[in-house]
Structures are given as C-alpha cells and as structure tokens.
Amino acid sequence: MTADDLSAPLGQETTQRKRRRLPFTGIQIMASLLGLFLAAFVGFAIFNHDPLGGEPVARVALAPPASDAPAAKASAAPTTTDAKPASPITKTPAAPPAAGQRTITIIDGSSGARQDVVVGGDASADKASGDTTSALMAGINPRLLEKTRYGMIPAVADGLKPFSAYAAGSDADRAKAATVPTVAIVIGGLGVGASKTTEAIMNLPGAVTLAFTPYGVEPGKLVERARAQHHEVLLQIPMEPFDYPDNDPGPQTLLTTLSAEQNIDRLFWQLSRFQGYVGVTNFMGARFVASDAAMQPILREAAKRGLGYFDDGTAPRSVAASQAQTLPFAKADLSIDGLPTPAEIDKALANLESLAKSRGNAIGIASGLPVSIERIAKWAKTLDSRGIMLVPLTTAMAKSKSS
C-alpha cells in the first residue's frame, strides 16, 4: 500500500499523474547562456589578430603607373561580384622610386601587413596639377631649412638668414623709415582660430606684423596667406608662466625645471610647425623669461638659426634684453588693447604716436580681437597725414639698433 492509497477516498482508485521535473531551472539556463557569451567574447579578444586595435582603416585602390599598365592588364585575373577577397598583403621590398615618383605604405586592415608602393609620374606633372604634398610653403627658401626629427626648422646658409630673407618692406621703405618717426605693431595669438586669423590678415595693413602660436590645425596655410598679403610673421614660443601648471600655455611649453637640452628639443618641435617667420617671441612665460639660465640657451639657438627675438613686454623682470646681444631684438613699449574697448584702444594708439614722435620709434602689441583689428585698421589709414610711418617689426628692430 502506498501513500496515495491511504489518501484516496474509500473504494475509489487514484489516477493522479506523477509530475515530471526538469533537471535545471530557468535561472540556470540564463546563467549558462550568459557564460557562453562571455567565453566567446573573451576568446575573440584573445585569439583574433587585429594589430590596428580596431582603428578605422581606409582602403584605397591604386592604378599602376602608365609604364606598367600593359603588363598589369595582361597578368590581371578576371573578377566577379562574388569573388573572394584577396589574400593579405605581405611586405615586399620596393625598388628606389624614380624621379618624380613617391613611395607610400599600404596597411592591410585585417592582417596589419605593410607594403611599399611606388606611385606618381614625372615631377613636372605633379607640379602642374598643384601637388599639395610638398613640405615647403610658397616663397620659402629650401636652403634656409634644416631637417630634424620633428621636421624642417630655420637655418643659416651662406650668410643668408631667415630674419633678412623673410623681412617685409623694400630698401626704399627702410630708407624713408630712417628719416621719419615710425610705429610698428605686432598682433599676437593668431593661428588657432581660422576666422579670427583671416580677419587680421585681410583687414590690417601689410606693415602690421602677425605672430602665430604653434597650435593651429594647419598653421602653415594661414602663415602662407599672411605672407602673401605682405605681413611679416613671428612664431610665438609657449613659455612657463608663474602660475604653471594652473595656467598652462600648451604642449611642449619651455620650462625652467627642464634641462637646456630638453628645452632645445621642445624648441625644435615649435620651430618645425611652419616656416617663413623672421623671428620668435614669447607666448606667456613670465617665469621663464625672468631666468638667465633658461633664456640664454634659447636666445643662443635663435641667433644660431638667423632669427630675431621680440619681447612682448608683459614680464617686467624679463632678462631678454640683456641676453639678446647676438641677434636682432626689440621689446614692446605698450599694450594697445589691455582694456579692449574702442575708447581705450584709441587712447593707446595716440600714446604710441606720441612715443614715436619723441623717440623716433615705438612698438605696440595687441591681440587679434575684432575690436582691436577694427580700431587699428582705421587708425593706420590716417597715420601718414600726421607724419608717422607704419613699419614692419624688422624695420623697427634695425632702426632701434642704429639709434
């Protein structure tokens, strides 16, 4: 007799079915599926060979050079829309490219293998088609360049220096400047904002000198445009301020805590950002320019490379004037837009005029604010009528030295 027999009503047979239970629960099933998914993901991450780390890959189809077209056509296999992908590219040695040809490296997206491929035709064809891959900007003398690990930087060649090679103005202008009161104006902080920089380039007279930071996306194009409008160009060198790093000028800033060799290496990076400048100037840097030990190697290197140095006058303790004995030097006399309102800018420009008449030469500095550009452009149009000549910075430097 079973327990069911005892619990059933007397005289009646039980027909209750025995329940069947699964050996695992729904929660166990979900946990198993999740474990399988995680195991598959980990296995893919470990065993999948992706040397590019998932970075975007561009695939470019290159046609063979014209001279190799018949041979390539003869050896090409027929292709269909459902053809299998080609086997991964393996690295093969490439012969030295002929004149006018270039070598590019193709990286396979799946295997990471590299192949050097020679492309291009003759040099004259590249030049006629407006080749934009040239490292040289228009009007840059290739003899005044030296190759470094960061790119090309200024150099002296056969006595010719970038300071004189890229100076604006004519000999006649410089001769006239020696006989009348002169004013030079430097606009700093350019190159980062393309619209602001373009406004300064196009709206200011060519005699106004423009200073570019090294941090623009494509500073070379803006500098080239500025030089096409007859502006002299300076490179602003980011230097350590007193409140660094809370106030950080940017990457590759020159620091008093670094060795001279480390600062020179950073200077080379900055010098390679674009070409065609007559000299360098500080970008911030109140602490750095006050240190003889920090400034001396920088000014010595600038002199070695045929550049001038402009002190923006914002650091009262600057030692640049005493250290710049072997290169062209000038210091700003006043800031034009310390208070960036039209009335204050006009007042500063009037003070600059008075200083030029009393001393024969005066230099002002301003930022690329729209109000500054507008007031300076308007003021410059009436300057000749008051017997004062607006000159590039190199002319003011030469005049200050001679006087």
Protein backbone atom coordinates (compact mmCIF):
# COMPACT_ATOMS: atom_id res chain seq x y z
CA MET A 1 0.00 0.00 0.00
CA THR A 2 1.26 3.39 -0.91
CA ALA A 3 0.69 6.83 0.47
CA ASP A 4 -1.68 7.52 -2.42
CA ASP A 5 -3.81 4.53 -1.44
CA LEU A 6 -4.17 5.79 2.10
CA SER A 7 -5.13 9.32 1.00
CA ALA A 8 -7.66 8.26 -1.68
CA PRO A 9 -11.39 8.03 -0.81
CA LEU A 10 -12.55 4.58 0.21
CA GLY A 11 -13.42 2.36 -2.69
CA GLN A 12 -12.07 4.69 -5.38
CA GLU A 13 -8.86 4.30 -7.39
CA THR A 14 -6.47 7.22 -7.87
CA THR A 15 -5.49 8.33 -11.38
CA GLN A 16 -3.21 11.23 -10.42
CA ARG A 17 -0.29 11.57 -12.78
CA LYS A 18 3.17 11.80 -11.42
CA ARG A 19 4.79 15.20 -12.21
CA ARG A 20 7.99 15.31 -14.26
CA ARG A 21 10.55 17.97 -13.26
CA LEU A 22 13.43 19.33 -15.41
CA PRO A 23 16.94 18.78 -14.08
CA PHE A 24 17.64 22.58 -14.15
CA THR A 25 15.78 25.85 -13.64
CA GLY A 26 15.18 28.85 -15.92
CA ILE A 27 17.70 30.94 -13.98
CA GLN A 28 20.32 28.26 -14.53
CA ILE A 29 19.59 28.32 -18.26
CA MET A 30 20.06 32.11 -18.48
CA ALA A 31 23.27 31.92 -16.46
CA SER A 32 24.63 29.24 -18.81
CA LEU A 33 23.82 31.27 -21.91
CA LEU A 34 25.47 34.36 -20.42
CA GLY A 35 28.56 32.35 -19.56
CA LEU A 36 28.80 31.02 -23.12
CA PHE A 37 28.52 34.57 -24.50
CA LEU A 38 31.26 35.87 -22.21
CA ALA A 39 33.51 32.93 -23.07
CA ALA A 40 33.04 33.59 -26.80
CA PHE A 41 33.79 37.29 -26.36
CA VAL A 42 36.97 36.63 -24.36
CA GLY A 43 38.12 34.06 -26.89
CA PHE A 44 37.57 36.50 -29.76
CA ALA A 45 39.53 39.22 -27.96
CA ILE A 46 42.44 36.86 -27.21
CA PHE A 47 42.76 34.91 -30.43
CA ASN A 48 41.61 37.47 -33.04
CA HIS A 49 44.66 39.12 -34.63
CA ASP A 50 43.93 42.83 -35.08
CA PRO A 51 47.24 44.77 -34.97
CA LEU A 52 45.44 48.06 -35.61
CA GLY A 53 43.39 47.74 -32.43
CA GLY A 54 40.07 48.35 -34.16
CA GLU A 55 41.13 51.72 -35.60
CA PRO A 56 39.35 52.92 -38.76
CA VAL A 57 41.06 51.69 -41.92
CA ALA A 58 40.85 53.29 -45.35
CA ARG A 59 41.23 51.03 -48.36
CA VAL A 60 42.48 52.75 -51.49
CA ALA A 61 42.59 51.21 -54.95
CA LEU A 62 45.72 52.32 -56.80
CA ALA A 63 46.10 52.10 -60.55
CA PRO A 64 49.58 51.05 -61.74
CA PRO A 65 51.80 53.70 -63.34
CA ALA A 66 51.26 54.27 -67.04
CA SER A 67 54.52 52.50 -67.94
CA ASP A 68 53.40 49.32 -66.16
CA ALA A 69 49.75 49.34 -67.31
CA PRO A 70 50.08 46.77 -70.21
CA ALA A 71 51.91 44.25 -68.05
CA ALA A 72 49.48 44.67 -65.20
CA LYS A 73 46.50 44.26 -67.55
CA ALA A 74 47.91 41.09 -69.06
CA SER A 75 48.53 39.44 -65.69
CA ALA A 76 45.26 40.52 -64.08
CA ALA A 77 42.79 37.73 -63.29
CA PRO A 78 39.08 38.08 -64.20
CA THR A 79 36.97 39.32 -61.32
CA THR A 80 33.31 38.79 -60.48
CA THR A 81 30.98 40.37 -57.99
CA ASP A 82 31.18 37.35 -55.69
CA ALA A 83 34.93 36.92 -55.89
CA LYS A 84 36.74 36.13 -52.67
CA PRO A 85 38.84 38.83 -51.05
CA ALA A 86 42.47 38.91 -51.98
CA SER A 87 44.95 37.30 -49.65
CA PRO A 88 46.53 39.54 -47.01
CA ILE A 89 49.22 41.88 -48.31
CA THR A 90 52.72 40.85 -47.38
CA LYS A 91 55.62 43.22 -47.12
CA THR A 92 57.75 43.15 -50.24
CA PRO A 93 60.92 45.08 -50.93
CA ALA A 94 60.39 48.04 -53.24
CA ALA A 95 62.92 49.42 -55.68
CA PRO A 96 64.02 53.02 -55.18
CA PRO A 97 61.42 55.34 -56.77
CA ALA A 98 62.32 57.14 -59.95
CA ALA A 99 62.46 60.89 -60.22
CA GLY A 100 59.04 62.41 -59.67
CA GLN A 101 57.62 59.26 -58.07
CA ARG A 102 56.62 58.78 -54.44
CA THR A 103 56.53 55.73 -52.17
CA ILE A 104 53.51 55.16 -49.95
CA THR A 105 52.90 52.41 -47.40
CA ILE A 106 49.64 50.45 -47.57
CA ILE A 107 48.48 48.75 -44.34
CA ASP A 108 46.13 45.79 -44.67
CA GLY A 109 43.12 46.25 -42.38
CA SER A 110 42.81 42.62 -41.33
CA SER A 111 46.39 41.38 -41.08
CA GLY A 112 48.27 44.60 -40.43
CA ALA A 113 50.82 43.66 -43.10
CA ARG A 114 52.55 46.55 -44.89
CA GLN A 115 53.57 47.05 -48.49
CA ASP A 116 55.56 49.89 -50.01
CA VAL A 117 54.09 51.00 -53.36
CA VAL A 118 55.63 53.48 -55.79
CA VAL A 119 53.08 55.88 -57.29
CA GLY A 120 53.08 59.06 -59.36
CA GLY A 121 54.52 60.21 -62.63
CA ASP A 122 57.10 62.79 -63.53
CA ALA A 123 57.79 65.81 -61.35
CA SER A 124 56.54 68.28 -63.91
CA ALA A 125 53.12 66.62 -63.99
CA ASP A 126 52.86 66.81 -60.18
CA LYS A 127 53.78 70.46 -60.24
CA ALA A 128 51.27 71.21 -63.00
CA SER A 129 48.48 69.51 -61.09
CA GLY A 130 49.07 71.61 -57.99
CA ASP A 131 50.65 68.93 -55.77
CA THR A 132 49.87 69.83 -52.15
CA THR A 133 52.07 67.19 -50.53
CA SER A 134 55.19 69.34 -50.70
CA ALA A 135 56.62 70.14 -47.28
CA LEU A 136 57.66 73.59 -48.47
CA MET A 137 55.40 76.61 -48.32
CA ALA A 138 55.34 79.10 -51.16
CA GLY A 139 58.19 81.57 -51.02
CA ILE A 140 60.30 79.51 -48.61
CA ASN A 141 63.97 79.21 -49.47
CA PRO A 142 64.87 75.49 -49.12
CA ARG A 143 68.47 76.43 -48.37
CA LEU A 144 67.28 78.10 -45.16
CA LEU A 145 65.96 74.84 -43.73
CA GLU A 146 67.49 72.09 -41.64
CA LYS A 147 65.92 68.67 -41.18
CA THR A 148 65.22 67.43 -37.66
CA ARG A 149 63.19 64.57 -36.23
CA TYR A 150 60.23 66.95 -35.98
CA GLY A 151 60.56 68.34 -39.50
CA MET A 152 62.22 71.33 -41.10
CA ILE A 153 63.42 74.23 -38.96
CA PRO A 154 65.15 77.52 -39.90
CA ALA A 155 68.87 77.61 -40.64
CA VAL A 156 71.53 79.98 -41.96
CA ALA A 157 73.01 79.29 -45.41
CA ASP A 158 75.96 81.15 -46.96
CA GLY A 159 75.42 84.12 -44.67
CA LEU A 160 71.73 84.44 -45.58
CA LYS A 161 69.39 84.47 -42.57
CA PRO A 162 65.62 83.98 -42.29
CA PHE A 163 65.46 87.36 -40.49
CA SER A 164 66.52 89.21 -43.62
CA ALA A 165 65.21 86.73 -46.22
CA TYR A 166 61.61 86.97 -44.98
CA ALA A 167 61.61 90.61 -43.91
CA ALA A 168 58.81 92.72 -45.39
CA GLY A 169 59.23 96.12 -46.98
CA SER A 170 61.64 97.44 -49.59
CA ASP A 171 65.00 99.16 -49.30
CA ALA A 172 63.25 102.41 -50.21
CA ASP A 173 60.80 101.92 -47.32
CA ARG A 174 63.64 101.30 -44.89
CA ALA A 175 65.50 104.37 -46.14
CA LYS A 176 62.41 106.50 -45.60
CA ALA A 177 61.84 105.00 -42.15
CA ALA A 178 65.27 106.23 -41.09
CA THR A 179 64.16 109.84 -41.61
CA VAL A 180 60.66 109.93 -40.04
CA PRO A 181 59.00 108.76 -36.80
CA THR A 182 57.97 105.11 -37.11
CA VAL A 183 55.50 102.83 -35.40
CA ALA A 184 55.46 99.01 -35.51
CA ILE A 185 52.53 96.91 -34.33
CA VAL A 186 52.54 93.18 -33.56
CA ILE A 187 49.26 91.22 -33.38
CA GLY A 188 49.66 88.03 -31.32
CA GLY A 189 47.67 84.90 -30.59
CA LEU A 190 46.89 84.07 -34.22
CA GLY A 191 46.68 80.68 -35.92
CA VAL A 192 44.24 78.90 -33.60
CA GLY A 193 41.01 80.49 -34.81
CA ALA A 194 40.97 80.48 -38.62
CA SER A 195 38.25 83.13 -38.94
CA LYS A 196 39.90 85.49 -36.47
CA THR A 197 43.28 84.99 -38.12
CA THR A 198 41.87 85.54 -41.61
CA GLU A 199 40.22 88.77 -40.45
CA ALA A 200 43.56 90.07 -39.17
CA ILE A 201 45.37 89.02 -42.35
CA MET A 202 42.91 90.65 -44.73
CA ASN A 203 41.86 93.78 -42.81
CA LEU A 204 45.16 95.02 -41.38
CA PRO A 205 47.82 96.83 -43.44
CA GLY A 206 50.69 94.70 -44.67
CA ALA A 207 53.12 96.61 -42.47
CA VAL A 208 51.49 95.10 -39.35
CA THR A 209 53.46 92.09 -38.10
CA LEU A 210 51.48 88.94 -37.22
CA ALA A 211 52.55 86.45 -34.51
CA PHE A 212 51.29 82.86 -34.73
CA THR A 213 51.13 80.24 -31.98
CA PRO A 214 52.28 76.72 -32.89
CA TYR A 215 48.95 75.11 -32.02
CA GLY A 216 46.79 75.70 -35.09
CA VAL A 217 45.45 72.73 -37.06
CA GLU A 218 47.19 73.83 -40.25
CA PRO A 219 49.19 76.93 -39.29
CA GLY A 220 51.31 76.73 -42.44
CA LYS A 221 48.37 77.60 -44.69
CA LEU A 222 47.44 80.67 -42.64
CA VAL A 223 51.06 81.81 -42.45
CA GLU A 224 51.42 81.40 -46.19
CA ARG A 225 48.32 83.52 -46.71
CA ALA A 226 49.65 86.18 -44.32
CA ARG A 227 52.95 86.39 -46.18
CA ALA A 228 51.08 86.64 -49.48
CA GLN A 229 49.46 89.80 -48.06
CA HIS A 230 52.97 91.16 -47.26
CA HIS A 231 52.76 90.66 -43.48
CA GLU A 232 55.89 89.75 -41.57
CA VAL A 233 55.42 86.70 -39.37
CA LEU A 234 56.65 85.75 -35.90
CA LEU A 235 56.47 82.37 -34.17
CA GLN A 236 55.19 82.55 -30.59
CA ILE A 237 57.07 80.18 -28.27
CA PRO A 238 55.00 78.97 -25.28
CA MET A 239 56.97 79.55 -22.07
CA GLU A 240 56.34 78.87 -18.41
CA PRO A 241 54.27 81.47 -16.51
CA PHE A 242 54.49 81.94 -12.73
CA ASP A 243 51.27 80.02 -12.07
CA TYR A 244 52.15 76.99 -14.18
CA PRO A 245 50.61 74.37 -14.42
CA ASP A 246 47.34 76.02 -13.31
CA ASN A 247 47.94 78.37 -16.22
CA ASP A 248 49.32 76.13 -18.98
CA PRO A 249 50.35 77.67 -22.34
CA GLY A 250 50.09 74.29 -24.09
CA PRO A 251 52.08 71.22 -25.22
CA GLN A 252 55.87 71.47 -25.49
CA THR A 253 56.00 74.55 -23.22
CA LEU A 254 59.53 75.60 -22.27
CA LEU A 255 60.01 75.11 -18.51
CA THR A 256 62.59 76.34 -16.00
CA THR A 257 62.59 72.87 -14.43
CA LEU A 258 63.87 71.20 -17.62
CA SER A 259 67.46 70.98 -18.76
CA ALA A 260 68.74 73.15 -21.58
CA GLU A 261 68.82 70.10 -23.87
CA GLN A 262 65.19 69.27 -23.11
CA ASN A 263 64.06 72.85 -23.77
CA ILE A 264 66.02 72.97 -27.03
CA ASP A 265 64.30 69.75 -28.12
CA ARG A 266 60.91 71.33 -27.38
CA LEU A 267 62.01 74.46 -29.20
CA PHE A 268 62.78 72.36 -32.30
CA TRP A 269 59.23 70.99 -32.25
CA GLN A 270 57.85 74.52 -32.15
CA LEU A 271 60.20 75.78 -34.86
CA SER A 272 59.04 72.98 -37.19
CA ARG A 273 55.33 73.89 -37.11
CA PHE A 274 55.58 76.30 -40.06
CA GLN A 275 58.18 78.36 -41.89
CA GLY A 276 58.71 81.86 -43.22
CA TYR A 277 58.98 83.73 -39.90
CA VAL A 278 61.59 86.40 -39.22
CA GLY A 279 61.89 85.65 -35.52
CA VAL A 280 60.34 84.29 -32.37
CA THR A 281 58.57 85.83 -29.40
CA ASN A 282 57.38 84.64 -26.02
CA PHE A 283 53.87 83.28 -25.56
CA MET A 284 53.14 83.97 -21.87
CA GLY A 285 56.30 82.90 -19.96
CA ALA A 286 56.70 85.44 -17.13
CA ARG A 287 58.74 82.95 -15.07
CA PHE A 288 60.78 81.58 -17.94
CA VAL A 289 61.87 84.94 -19.42
CA ALA A 290 63.00 86.06 -15.94
CA SER A 291 65.57 83.25 -15.72
CA ASP A 292 69.04 83.83 -17.21
CA ALA A 293 69.82 80.10 -17.14
CA ALA A 294 66.62 79.25 -19.02
CA MET A 295 66.67 82.08 -21.58
CA GLN A 296 70.34 82.02 -22.58
CA PRO A 297 70.25 78.67 -24.48
CA ILE A 298 67.03 79.64 -26.27
CA LEU A 299 68.33 83.00 -27.46
CA ARG A 300 71.64 81.45 -28.44
CA GLU A 301 69.82 78.86 -30.57
CA ALA A 302 67.63 81.55 -32.16
CA ALA A 303 70.74 83.55 -33.07
CA LYS A 304 72.38 80.44 -34.50
CA ARG A 305 69.38 79.98 -36.79
CA GLY A 306 69.34 83.56 -38.06
CA LEU A 307 66.21 84.67 -36.21
CA GLY A 308 65.30 87.78 -34.27
CA TYR A 309 63.67 87.90 -30.83
CA PHE A 310 60.73 90.08 -29.80
CA ASP A 311 59.86 90.58 -26.14
CA ASP A 312 56.14 91.29 -25.80
CA GLY A 313 56.79 93.44 -22.70
CA THR A 314 54.34 91.63 -20.44
CA ALA A 315 57.04 90.44 -17.97
CA PRO A 316 58.73 93.34 -16.11
CA ARG A 317 61.53 91.03 -14.89
CA SER A 318 62.42 89.74 -18.38
CA VAL A 319 66.16 89.25 -18.97
CA ALA A 320 65.77 89.01 -22.77
CA ALA A 321 67.20 92.48 -23.41
CA SER A 322 70.44 91.70 -21.56
CA GLN A 323 70.78 88.22 -23.11
CA ALA A 324 69.93 89.15 -26.72
CA GLN A 325 73.30 90.56 -27.68
CA THR A 326 73.91 88.37 -30.74
CA LEU A 327 70.58 88.64 -32.57
CA PRO A 328 68.10 91.33 -33.65
CA PHE A 329 65.97 92.33 -30.66
CA ALA A 330 63.06 94.61 -29.80
CA LYS A 331 60.67 95.00 -26.89
CA ALA A 332 57.08 96.22 -26.97
CA ASP A 333 56.63 99.70 -25.49
CA LEU A 334 52.95 99.29 -24.60
CA SER A 335 49.90 97.06 -24.94
CA ILE A 336 47.27 98.53 -27.22
CA ASP A 337 44.26 96.53 -26.04
CA GLY A 338 44.95 95.87 -22.38
CA LEU A 339 41.46 97.31 -21.94
CA PRO A 340 39.68 96.07 -25.10
CA THR A 341 37.23 98.92 -25.67
CA PRO A 342 37.26 101.27 -28.67
CA ALA A 343 37.95 104.32 -26.49
CA GLU A 344 40.87 102.72 -24.63
CA ILE A 345 42.39 101.30 -27.81
CA ASP A 346 42.23 104.72 -29.50
CA LYS A 347 43.88 106.24 -26.42
CA ALA A 348 46.70 103.66 -26.51
CA LEU A 349 47.30 104.30 -30.21
CA ALA A 350 47.55 108.04 -29.51
CA ASN A 351 50.12 107.32 -26.79
CA LEU A 352 52.06 105.17 -29.26
CA GLU A 353 52.14 108.08 -31.71
CA SER A 354 53.43 110.46 -29.04
CA LEU A 355 56.17 108.00 -28.09
CA ALA A 356 57.21 107.63 -31.73
CA LYS A 357 57.47 111.40 -32.17
CA SER A 358 59.54 111.82 -29.01
CA ARG A 359 61.86 108.84 -29.54
CA GLY A 360 61.70 108.33 -33.29
CA ASN A 361 60.38 104.78 -32.97
CA ALA A 362 57.71 102.95 -30.95
CA ILE A 363 56.36 99.38 -30.88
CA GLY A 364 52.89 98.31 -29.73
CA ILE A 365 51.40 94.87 -29.24
CA ALA A 366 47.76 93.78 -29.43
CA SER A 367 45.68 90.62 -29.62
CA GLY A 368 43.56 89.51 -32.55
CA LEU A 369 40.28 90.74 -31.07
CA PRO A 370 37.80 92.04 -33.65
CA VAL A 371 37.62 95.42 -31.90
CA SER A 372 41.42 95.70 -31.92
CA ILE A 373 41.66 94.87 -35.61
CA GLU A 374 38.90 97.33 -36.48
CA ARG A 375 40.41 100.26 -34.49
CA ILE A 376 43.99 99.64 -35.65
CA ALA A 377 42.93 99.37 -39.30
CA LYS A 378 41.04 102.65 -39.08
CA TRP A 379 43.88 104.40 -37.25
CA ALA A 380 46.52 103.22 -39.75
CA LYS A 381 44.71 104.89 -42.68
CA THR A 382 45.30 108.37 -41.20
CA LEU A 383 48.82 107.81 -39.87
CA ASP A 384 50.70 109.23 -42.89
CA SER A 385 48.82 112.52 -42.63
CA ARG A 386 50.35 113.02 -39.18
CA GLY A 387 53.89 112.41 -40.40
CA ILE A 388 54.31 108.94 -38.88
CA MET A 389 55.20 105.80 -40.83
CA LEU A 390 53.83 102.34 -40.02
CA VAL A 391 56.67 99.82 -40.50
CA PRO A 392 57.23 96.05 -40.13
CA LEU A 393 58.92 94.82 -36.96
CA THR A 394 62.24 94.09 -38.69
CA THR A 395 62.47 97.74 -39.78
CA ALA A 396 61.77 98.88 -36.22
CA MET A 397 64.42 96.49 -34.90
CA ALA A 398 67.02 97.78 -37.32
CA LYS A 399 66.13 101.40 -36.53
CA SER A 400 66.31 100.82 -32.75
CA LYS A 401 69.73 99.20 -33.11
CA SER A 402 71.11 102.01 -35.27
CA SER A 403 69.81 104.69 -32.92
